[in-house]
C-alpha atoms as a PDB file:
ATOM      1  CA  MET A   1      -4.001   0.359 -20.865  1.00  0.00           C
ATOM      2  CA  SER A   2      -5.102   2.111 -17.698  1.00  0.00           C
ATOM      3  CA  SER A   3      -2.704   3.560 -15.201  1.00  0.00           C
ATOM      4  CA  ILE A   4      -2.116   1.870 -11.947  1.00  0.00           C
ATOM      5  CA  PRO A   5      -3.180   4.018  -8.889  1.00  0.00           C
ATOM      6  CA  VAL A   6      -0.333   4.912  -6.522  1.00  0.00           C
ATOM      7  CA  PHE A   7      -0.921   5.190  -2.801  1.00  0.00           C
ATOM      8  CA  LYS A   8       1.405   6.678  -0.169  1.00  0.00           C
ATOM      9  CA  VAL A   9       1.638   4.714   3.024  1.00  0.00           C
ATOM     10  CA  VAL A  10       3.746   5.148   5.969  1.00  0.00           C
ATOM     11  CA  ILE A  11       5.350   2.704   8.290  1.00  0.00           C
ATOM     12  CA  ALA A  12       6.021   4.121  11.781  1.00  0.00           C
ATOM     13  CA  GLY A  13       7.204   3.023  15.179  1.00  0.00           C
ATOM     14  CA  ASP A  14      10.123   3.030  17.510  1.00  0.00           C
ATOM     15  CA  GLY A  15      13.713   2.324  16.282  1.00  0.00           C
ATOM     16  CA  ALA A  16      14.695  -1.203  15.903  1.00  0.00           C
ATOM     17  CA  VAL A  17      11.055  -2.601  15.719  1.00  0.00           C
ATOM     18  CA  GLY A  18      11.742  -3.951  12.268  1.00  0.00           C
ATOM     19  CA  LYS A  19      10.130  -1.473   9.988  1.00  0.00           C
ATOM     20  CA  THR A  20      12.692  -1.520   7.362  1.00  0.00           C
ATOM     21  CA  SER A  21      12.964  -5.371   7.559  1.00  0.00           C
ATOM     22  CA  LEU A  22       9.095  -5.590   6.930  1.00  0.00           C
ATOM     23  CA  ILE A  23       9.418  -3.309   3.851  1.00  0.00           C
ATOM     24  CA  ARG A  24      12.428  -5.323   2.463  1.00  0.00           C
ATOM     25  CA  ARG A  25      10.749  -8.729   3.159  1.00  0.00           C
ATOM     26  CA  PHE A  26       7.738  -7.573   1.146  1.00  0.00           C
ATOM     27  CA  CYS A  27       9.563  -5.536  -1.622  1.00  0.00           C
ATOM     28  CA  GLU A  28      12.719  -7.618  -2.132  1.00  0.00           C
ATOM     29  CA  GLY A  29      11.664 -10.957  -0.490  1.00  0.00           C
ATOM     30  CA  LYS A  30      14.597 -11.051   1.612  1.00  0.00           C
ATOM     31  CA  PHE A  31      15.786 -10.344   5.274  1.00  0.00           C
ATOM     32  CA  GLU A  32      19.105  -9.203   6.553  1.00  0.00           C
ATOM     33  CA  GLU A  33      20.163  -9.831  10.192  1.00  0.00           C
ATOM     34  CA  SER A  34      21.951  -6.752  10.711  1.00  0.00           C
ATOM     35  CA  ARG A  35      20.656  -3.514   9.567  1.00  0.00           C
ATOM     36  CA  VAL A  36      21.808   0.092   9.754  1.00  0.00           C
ATOM     37  CA  SER A  37      19.100   2.399  11.411  1.00  0.00           C
ATOM     38  CA  THR A  38      17.118   4.419   8.893  1.00  0.00           C
ATOM     39  CA  ILE A  39      18.458   7.976   8.657  1.00  0.00           C
ATOM     40  CA  GLY A  40      15.381  10.380   8.290  1.00  0.00           C
ATOM     41  CA  VAL A  41      13.076   8.701   5.842  1.00  0.00           C
ATOM     42  CA  ASP A  42      13.397   6.135   3.065  1.00  0.00           C
ATOM     43  CA  PHE A  43      10.975   4.623   0.620  1.00  0.00           C
ATOM     44  CA  GLN A  44      10.222   1.815  -1.794  1.00  0.00           C
ATOM     45  CA  THR A  45       7.461   0.868  -4.145  1.00  0.00           C
ATOM     46  CA  GLN A  46       5.735  -2.300  -4.721  1.00  0.00           C
ATOM     47  CA  ARG A  47       2.514  -3.366  -6.464  1.00  0.00           C
ATOM     48  CA  VAL A  48      -0.210  -5.063  -4.561  1.00  0.00           C
ATOM     49  CA  HIS A  49      -2.997  -7.196  -6.244  1.00  0.00           C
ATOM     50  CA  LEU A  50      -6.445  -6.463  -4.785  1.00  0.00           C
ATOM     51  CA  PRO A  51      -9.751  -8.005  -5.852  1.00  0.00           C
ATOM     52  CA  GLY A  52     -10.603  -4.741  -7.733  1.00  0.00           C
ATOM     53  CA  GLY A  53      -7.328  -4.472  -9.496  1.00  0.00           C
ATOM     54  CA  THR A  54      -3.743  -3.784  -8.954  1.00  0.00           C
ATOM     55  CA  VAL A  55      -2.348  -0.839  -7.032  1.00  0.00           C
ATOM     56  CA  LYS A  56       1.045   0.488  -6.399  1.00  0.00           C
ATOM     57  CA  LEU A  57       2.302   1.325  -2.815  1.00  0.00           C
ATOM     58  CA  SER A  58       4.775   4.049  -2.091  1.00  0.00           C
ATOM     59  CA  ILE A  59       5.922   2.770   1.208  1.00  0.00           C
ATOM     60  CA  TRP A  60       7.547   5.368   3.321  1.00  0.00           C
ATOM     61  CA  ASP A  61       9.886   4.167   6.186  1.00  0.00           C
ATOM     62  CA  MET A  62      10.000   6.745   8.935  1.00  0.00           C
ATOM     63  CA  ALA A  63      13.155   6.661  11.211  1.00  0.00           C
ATOM     64  CA  GLY A  64      12.167   5.821  14.759  1.00  0.00           C
ATOM     65  CA  GLN A  65      14.685   7.803  16.686  1.00  0.00           C
ATOM     66  CA  ASP A  66      13.203  11.062  18.438  1.00  0.00           C
ATOM     67  CA  ARG A  67      15.950  13.313  16.773  1.00  0.00           C
ATOM     68  CA  PHE A  68      14.035  12.794  13.422  1.00  0.00           C
ATOM     69  CA  HIS A  69      10.775  13.989  14.784  1.00  0.00           C
ATOM     70  CA  ASP A  70      10.708  17.423  12.863  1.00  0.00           C
ATOM     71  CA  ILE A  71      11.835  15.587   9.554  1.00  0.00           C
ATOM     72  CA  ARG A  72       9.143  12.952   9.664  1.00  0.00           C
ATOM     73  CA  GLN A  73       6.361  15.697   9.982  1.00  0.00           C
ATOM     74  CA  GLY A  74       6.472  16.690   6.379  1.00  0.00           C
ATOM     75  CA  PHE A  75       6.721  13.175   5.096  1.00  0.00           C
ATOM     76  CA  TYR A  76       3.348  12.149   6.574  1.00  0.00           C
ATOM     77  CA  ARG A  77       1.393  14.530   4.323  1.00  0.00           C
ATOM     78  CA  GLY A  78      -0.347  12.786   1.462  1.00  0.00           C
ATOM     79  CA  SER A  79      -0.360   9.481   3.268  1.00  0.00           C
ATOM     80  CA  ARG A  80      -3.430   7.165   2.703  1.00  0.00           C
ATOM     81  CA  SER A  81      -2.906   4.703   5.417  1.00  0.00           C
ATOM     82  CA  ALA A  82      -0.148   3.891   8.074  1.00  0.00           C
ATOM     83  CA  ALA A  83       1.139   0.930   9.996  1.00  0.00           C
ATOM     84  CA  LEU A  84       1.949   1.466  13.597  1.00  0.00           C
ATOM     85  CA  VAL A  85       4.683  -1.187  14.244  1.00  0.00           C
ATOM     86  CA  TYR A  86       5.982  -2.569  17.569  1.00  0.00           C
ATOM     87  CA  ASP A  87       8.301  -5.336  18.725  1.00  0.00           C
ATOM     88  CA  ALA A  88       6.379  -8.215  20.270  1.00  0.00           C
ATOM     89  CA  THR A  89       9.218  -8.837  22.444  1.00  0.00           C
ATOM     90  CA  ALA A  90       9.691  -5.316  23.739  1.00  0.00           C
ATOM     91  CA  PRO A  91       6.489  -4.020  25.553  1.00  0.00           C
ATOM     92  CA  VAL A  92       7.733  -0.493  25.629  1.00  0.00           C
ATOM     93  CA  THR A  93       7.503  -0.120  21.861  1.00  0.00           C
ATOM     94  CA  LEU A  94       3.705  -1.021  22.047  1.00  0.00           C
ATOM     95  CA  GLN A  95       3.391   1.531  24.837  1.00  0.00           C
ATOM     96  CA  ASN A  96       4.801   4.214  22.549  1.00  0.00           C
ATOM     97  CA  LEU A  97       2.297   3.602  19.665  1.00  0.00           C
ATOM     98  CA  PRO A  98      -0.184   6.194  20.898  1.00  0.00           C
ATOM     99  CA  ARG A  99       2.523   8.815  20.590  1.00  0.00           C
ATOM    100  CA  TRP A 100       3.287   7.782  17.051  1.00  0.00           C
ATOM    101  CA  ARG A 101      -0.450   7.808  16.165  1.00  0.00           C
ATOM    102  CA  GLU A 102      -0.778  11.312  17.385  1.00  0.00           C
ATOM    103  CA  GLU A 103       2.254  12.475  15.614  1.00  0.00           C
ATOM    104  CA  ILE A 104       0.883  11.118  12.443  1.00  0.00           C
ATOM    105  CA  LEU A 105      -2.761  12.307  13.036  1.00  0.00           C
ATOM    106  CA  ALA A 106      -1.334  15.949  13.540  1.00  0.00           C
ATOM    107  CA  ALA A 107      -0.260  15.920   9.804  1.00  0.00           C
ATOM    108  CA  VAL A 108      -2.996  13.655   8.405  1.00  0.00           C
ATOM    109  CA  PRO A 109      -6.144  14.040  10.715  1.00  0.00           C
ATOM    110  CA  ASP A 110      -8.292  11.462   8.971  1.00  0.00           C
ATOM    111  CA  LEU A 111      -5.766   8.598   8.440  1.00  0.00           C
ATOM    112  CA  ARG A 112      -6.564   4.905   8.933  1.00  0.00           C
ATOM    113  CA  PHE A 113      -4.145   2.485  10.777  1.00  0.00           C
ATOM    114  CA  VAL A 114      -3.043  -1.052  10.956  1.00  0.00           C
ATOM    115  CA  VAL A 115      -1.321  -2.106  14.317  1.00  0.00           C
ATOM    116  CA  VAL A 116       1.711  -4.456  13.648  1.00  0.00           C
ATOM    117  CA  ALA A 117       3.271  -6.854  16.254  1.00  0.00           C
ATOM    118  CA  ASN A 118       6.474  -7.653  14.493  1.00  0.00           C
ATOM    119  CA  LYS A 119       9.058 -10.246  15.572  1.00  0.00           C
ATOM    120  CA  VAL A 120       6.597 -12.887  16.569  1.00  0.00           C
ATOM    121  CA  ASP A 121       8.976 -15.520  15.691  1.00  0.00           C
ATOM    122  CA  LEU A 122      11.014 -14.468  18.730  1.00  0.00           C
ATOM    123  CA  LEU A 123       8.132 -15.102  21.176  1.00  0.00           C
ATOM    124  CA  THR A 124       8.585 -18.108  23.535  1.00  0.00           C
ATOM    125  CA  GLN A 125       8.563 -21.411  21.687  1.00  0.00           C
ATOM    126  CA  GLY A 126       5.511 -23.688  22.280  1.00  0.00           C
ATOM    127  CA  MET A 127       3.211 -20.785  22.853  1.00  0.00           C
ATOM    128  CA  PRO A 128      -0.150 -21.093  21.073  1.00  0.00           C
ATOM    129  CA  SER A 129      -0.644 -19.309  17.814  1.00  0.00           C
ATOM    130  CA  PRO A 130      -0.751 -15.510  17.903  1.00  0.00           C
ATOM    131  CA  SER A 131      -4.307 -15.731  16.372  1.00  0.00           C
ATOM    132  CA  THR A 132      -5.801 -17.653  19.582  1.00  0.00           C
ATOM    133  CA  SER A 133      -7.114 -16.152  22.590  1.00  0.00           C
ATOM    134  CA  GLN A 134      -4.223 -17.907  24.609  1.00  0.00           C
ATOM    135  CA  ALA A 135      -1.758 -15.623  22.617  1.00  0.00           C
ATOM    136  CA  PRO A 136       1.208 -14.148  24.546  1.00  0.00           C
ATOM    137  CA  PRO A 137       0.425 -10.937  26.475  1.00  0.00           C
ATOM    138  CA  SER A 138       2.135  -8.680  23.966  1.00  0.00           C
ATOM    139  CA  ILE A 139      -0.088 -10.053  21.085  1.00  0.00           C
ATOM    140  CA  ARG A 140      -3.231  -9.638  23.228  1.00  0.00           C
ATOM    141  CA  ALA A 141      -2.231  -6.163  24.249  1.00  0.00           C
ATOM    142  CA  GLY A 142      -1.500  -5.113  20.714  1.00  0.00           C
ATOM    143  CA  ARG A 143      -4.952  -6.457  19.559  1.00  0.00           C
ATOM    144  CA  THR A 144      -6.598  -4.660  22.403  1.00  0.00           C
ATOM    145  CA  PHE A 145      -4.885  -1.186  21.295  1.00  0.00           C
ATOM    146  CA  ALA A 146      -5.704  -1.841  17.683  1.00  0.00           C
ATOM    147  CA  ALA A 147      -9.447  -2.403  18.635  1.00  0.00           C
ATOM    148  CA  SER A 148      -9.304   0.730  20.646  1.00  0.00           C
ATOM    149  CA  ILE A 149      -8.466   2.869  17.776  1.00  0.00           C
ATOM    150  CA  GLY A 150     -10.512   1.164  15.211  1.00  0.00           C
ATOM    151  CA  ALA A 151      -7.523  -0.398  13.526  1.00  0.00           C
ATOM    152  CA  GLY A 152      -6.688  -3.747  11.949  1.00  0.00           C
ATOM    153  CA  PHE A 153      -4.157  -5.934  13.742  1.00  0.00           C
ATOM    154  CA  VAL A 154      -1.532  -8.146  12.149  1.00  0.00           C
ATOM    155  CA  PRO A 155       1.154 -10.187  13.882  1.00  0.00           C
ATOM    156  CA  THR A 156       4.186 -10.435  11.599  1.00  0.00           C
ATOM    157  CA  SER A 157       7.842 -11.778  11.265  1.00  0.00           C
ATOM    158  CA  ALA A 158      10.094 -10.116   8.817  1.00  0.00           C
ATOM    159  CA  LEU A 159      12.471 -12.996   9.369  1.00  0.00           C
ATOM    160  CA  SER A 160       9.983 -15.711   8.266  1.00  0.00           C
ATOM    161  CA  GLY A 161       7.794 -13.527   6.128  1.00  0.00           C
ATOM    162  CA  THR A 162       4.637 -14.432   8.300  1.00  0.00           C
ATOM    163  CA  ASN A 163       1.739 -12.200   7.402  1.00  0.00           C
ATOM    164  CA  VAL A 164       3.950  -9.759   5.676  1.00  0.00           C
ATOM    165  CA  PRO A 165       1.923  -9.850   2.405  1.00  0.00           C
ATOM    166  CA  GLN A 166      -1.239  -9.695   4.354  1.00  0.00           C
ATOM    167  CA  LEU A 167      -0.043  -6.446   6.127  1.00  0.00           C
ATOM    168  CA  PHE A 168       0.683  -4.619   3.000  1.00  0.00           C
ATOM    169  CA  GLU A 169      -2.510  -5.907   1.377  1.00  0.00           C
ATOM    170  CA  GLN A 170      -4.563  -4.582   4.345  1.00  0.00           C
ATOM    171  CA  MET A 171      -2.601  -1.082   4.042  1.00  0.00           C
ATOM    172  CA  ALA A 172      -3.472  -1.162   0.284  1.00  0.00           C
ATOM    173  CA  LYS A 173      -7.140  -1.666   0.987  1.00  0.00           C
ATOM    174  CA  LEU A 174      -7.244   1.053   3.685  1.00  0.00           C
ATOM    175  CA  ALA A 175      -5.463   3.611   1.286  1.00  0.00           C
ATOM    176  CA  GLN A 176      -7.780   2.604  -1.448  1.00  0.00           C
ATOM    177  CA  ALA A 177     -10.841   3.222   0.588  1.00  0.00           C
ATOM    178  CA  HIS A 178      -9.323   6.483   1.940  1.00  0.00           C
ATOM    179  CA  THR A 179      -8.975   7.715  -1.659  1.00  0.00           C
ATOM    180  CA  GLN A 180     -12.308   6.420  -2.863  1.00  0.00           C
ATOM    181  CA  ALA A 181     -13.978   8.312   0.032  1.00  0.00           C
ATOM    182  CA  GLY A 182     -12.278  11.557  -0.860  1.00  0.00           C
ATOM    183  CA  SER A 183     -10.582  11.815   2.647  1.00  0.00           C
ATOM    184  CA  GLY A 184      -7.732  14.141   2.974  1.00  0.00           C
ATOM    185  CA  ALA A 185      -8.778  16.142  -0.114  1.00  0.00           C
ATOM    186  CA  ARG A 186      -9.529  19.229   2.031  1.00  0.00           C
END
């Protein structure tokens, strides 16, 4: 029996954008309305089935508050991919993603990213699907930012589970490609 590869991935973004809720939805299949802010760093593991076989993700949940900046730095090392998460209803959280990206790249210079618009379920009812060109401005802006850094883009809802498996599958694929390319092995 062959061993399952394990890839470290990080989830980063401002506090209260739903990072922990996305991870819990993916790993435990549940959503909790009220959550206590992550203190420092937390992690969970979950298997992801890819076309080439199963991998295990070690998913690191980075606290979003500025006071944890120094703690986060050491935990980025060894990461194979990262999600930059913003709240689709709070534009400032999207505006802060370049800072998050730079913080991560300072520790892991060649990392690949996925940009995540979370809480899409809270966008105005009756709006077109986030996958259309008529998507709300926060979705279009997130998609534009993702394209500008060569990243994938995934609109999610931790509440409903929308696109959560796709997010982690995309992260697993990036992590696998990063490892196969020998990146980060300097």
